[in-house]
């Protein structure tokens, strides 16, 4: 699974992209976030408040309950504001 990080998510994780192999029981965006937060202190900092993390799976906005798989590209970014 390819992960992409944008804005302060990239800064906190310490990289713009990485490839990961989560366990087979990680099948949703929410489970992926929980698993990632346990991988390192930088991931824990990036995902400390999952309610403000936005996600896209294969370039489509995705909610926590949506499925992810090993061949997906998953992007994480902060809320986008405009005005």
C-alpha atoms as a PDB file:
ATOM      1  CA  UNK A   1       0.000   0.000   0.000  1.00  0.00           C
ATOM      2  CA  UNK A   2       1.404   3.373  -0.985  1.00  0.00           C
ATOM      3  CA  UNK A   3       0.828   6.240   1.442  1.00  0.00           C
ATOM      4  CA  UNK A   4       1.149   9.937   0.665  1.00  0.00           C
ATOM      5  CA  UNK A   5       1.299  12.716   3.263  1.00  0.00           C
ATOM      6  CA  UNK A   6       0.568  16.383   2.638  1.00  0.00           C
ATOM      7  CA  UNK A   7       1.068  19.668   4.517  1.00  0.00           C
ATOM      8  CA  UNK A   8       1.624  19.288   8.271  1.00  0.00           C
ATOM      9  CA  UNK A   9       0.930  15.549   8.010  1.00  0.00           C
ATOM     10  CA  UNK A  10       4.114  15.265   5.903  1.00  0.00           C
ATOM     11  CA  UNK A  11       6.024  17.404   8.405  1.00  0.00           C
ATOM     12  CA  UNK A  12       4.934  15.324  11.403  1.00  0.00           C
ATOM     13  CA  UNK A  13       5.511  11.931   9.794  1.00  0.00           C
ATOM     14  CA  UNK A  14       8.824  13.155   8.397  1.00  0.00           C
ATOM     15  CA  UNK A  15       8.315  11.989   4.818  1.00  0.00           C
ATOM     16  CA  UNK A  16       6.103  12.692   1.822  1.00  0.00           C
ATOM     17  CA  UNK A  17       5.445   9.046   0.931  1.00  0.00           C
ATOM     18  CA  UNK A  18       6.037   5.512   2.095  1.00  0.00           C
ATOM     19  CA  UNK A  19       5.049   1.974   1.234  1.00  0.00           C
ATOM     20  CA  UNK A  20       3.566  -0.117   4.054  1.00  0.00           C
ATOM     21  CA  UNK A  21       2.258  -3.638   4.510  1.00  0.00           C
ATOM     22  CA  UNK A  22      -0.420  -3.506   7.222  1.00  0.00           C
ATOM     23  CA  UNK A  23      -1.733  -6.728   8.734  1.00  0.00           C
ATOM     24  CA  UNK A  24      -4.573  -8.476   6.895  1.00  0.00           C
ATOM     25  CA  UNK A  25      -7.111  -7.359   9.522  1.00  0.00           C
ATOM     26  CA  UNK A  26      -6.527  -3.687   8.608  1.00  0.00           C
ATOM     27  CA  UNK A  27      -9.271  -3.299   6.012  1.00  0.00           C
ATOM     28  CA  UNK A  28     -10.658   0.234   6.505  1.00  0.00           C
ATOM     29  CA  UNK A  29      -9.267   3.761   6.531  1.00  0.00           C
ATOM     30  CA  UNK A  30      -9.991   4.031  10.269  1.00  0.00           C
ATOM     31  CA  UNK A  31      -8.153   0.802  11.038  1.00  0.00           C
ATOM     32  CA  UNK A  32      -5.242   1.957   8.887  1.00  0.00           C
ATOM     33  CA  UNK A  33      -5.015   5.232  10.833  1.00  0.00           C
ATOM     34  CA  UNK A  34      -5.065   3.348  14.146  1.00  0.00           C
ATOM     35  CA  UNK A  35      -2.361   0.964  12.926  1.00  0.00           C
ATOM     36  CA  UNK A  36      -0.206   3.776  11.537  1.00  0.00           C
ATOM     37  CA  UNK A  37      -0.387   5.702  14.822  1.00  0.00           C
ATOM     38  CA  UNK A  38       1.252   2.693  16.501  1.00  0.00           C
ATOM     39  CA  UNK A  39       4.168   2.452  14.056  1.00  0.00           C
ATOM     40  CA  UNK A  40       6.355   5.294  15.354  1.00  0.00           C
ATOM     41  CA  UNK A  41       6.270   8.409  17.511  1.00  0.00           C
ATOM     42  CA  UNK A  42       6.142  10.563  14.359  1.00  0.00           C
ATOM     43  CA  UNK A  43       3.125   8.656  13.058  1.00  0.00           C
ATOM     44  CA  UNK A  44       1.533   8.942  16.503  1.00  0.00           C
ATOM     45  CA  UNK A  45       2.015  12.730  16.355  1.00  0.00           C
ATOM     46  CA  UNK A  46       0.543  12.954  12.858  1.00  0.00           C
ATOM     47  CA  UNK A  47      -2.518  10.878  13.749  1.00  0.00           C
ATOM     48  CA  UNK A  48      -2.955  12.141  17.338  1.00  0.00           C
ATOM     49  CA  UNK A  49      -6.382  13.574  16.455  1.00  0.00           C
ATOM     50  CA  UNK A  50      -7.852  11.387  13.698  1.00  0.00           C
ATOM     51  CA  UNK A  51     -10.987  13.546  13.557  1.00  0.00           C
ATOM     52  CA  UNK A  52      -9.040  16.279  11.739  1.00  0.00           C
ATOM     53  CA  UNK A  53      -7.239  13.986   9.294  1.00  0.00           C
ATOM     54  CA  UNK A  54      -8.698  13.776   5.806  1.00  0.00           C
ATOM     55  CA  UNK A  55      -8.060  10.864   3.482  1.00  0.00           C
ATOM     56  CA  UNK A  56      -8.326   9.927  -0.175  1.00  0.00           C
ATOM     57  CA  UNK A  57      -8.122   6.359  -1.462  1.00  0.00           C
ATOM     58  CA  UNK A  58      -7.044   6.144  -5.085  1.00  0.00           C
ATOM     59  CA  UNK A  59      -7.660   9.896  -5.408  1.00  0.00           C
ATOM     60  CA  UNK A  60     -11.253   9.696  -4.134  1.00  0.00           C
ATOM     61  CA  UNK A  61     -12.230  11.220  -0.789  1.00  0.00           C
ATOM     62  CA  UNK A  62     -12.746   8.414   1.743  1.00  0.00           C
ATOM     63  CA  UNK A  63     -14.298   8.197   5.202  1.00  0.00           C
ATOM     64  CA  UNK A  64     -13.016   6.087   8.100  1.00  0.00           C
ATOM     65  CA  UNK A  65     -15.333   3.154   7.328  1.00  0.00           C
ATOM     66  CA  UNK A  66     -14.283   2.843   3.689  1.00  0.00           C
ATOM     67  CA  UNK A  67     -12.230  -0.136   2.547  1.00  0.00           C
ATOM     68  CA  UNK A  68      -8.501  -0.108   1.792  1.00  0.00           C
ATOM     69  CA  UNK A  69      -6.423  -2.845   0.254  1.00  0.00           C
ATOM     70  CA  UNK A  70      -2.784  -3.675  -0.460  1.00  0.00           C
ATOM     71  CA  UNK A  71      -2.823  -2.190  -3.976  1.00  0.00           C
ATOM     72  CA  UNK A  72      -4.361   1.146  -2.965  1.00  0.00           C
ATOM     73  CA  UNK A  73      -2.800   4.585  -2.876  1.00  0.00           C
ATOM     74  CA  UNK A  74      -3.897   6.349   0.314  1.00  0.00           C
ATOM     75  CA  UNK A  75      -3.309  10.073   0.824  1.00  0.00           C
ATOM     76  CA  UNK A  76      -3.577  11.854   4.162  1.00  0.00           C
ATOM     77  CA  UNK A  77      -3.991  15.601   4.497  1.00  0.00           C
ATOM     78  CA  UNK A  78      -5.390  18.212   6.902  1.00  0.00           C
ATOM     79  CA  UNK A  79      -8.788  19.828   6.361  1.00  0.00           C
ATOM     80  CA  UNK A  80      -8.807  22.259   3.474  1.00  0.00           C
ATOM     81  CA  UNK A  81     -10.196  25.702   4.143  1.00  0.00           C
ATOM     82  CA  UNK A  82     -11.046  28.468   1.784  1.00  0.00           C
ATOM     83  CA  UNK A  83     -12.457  31.869   1.900  1.00  0.00           C
END
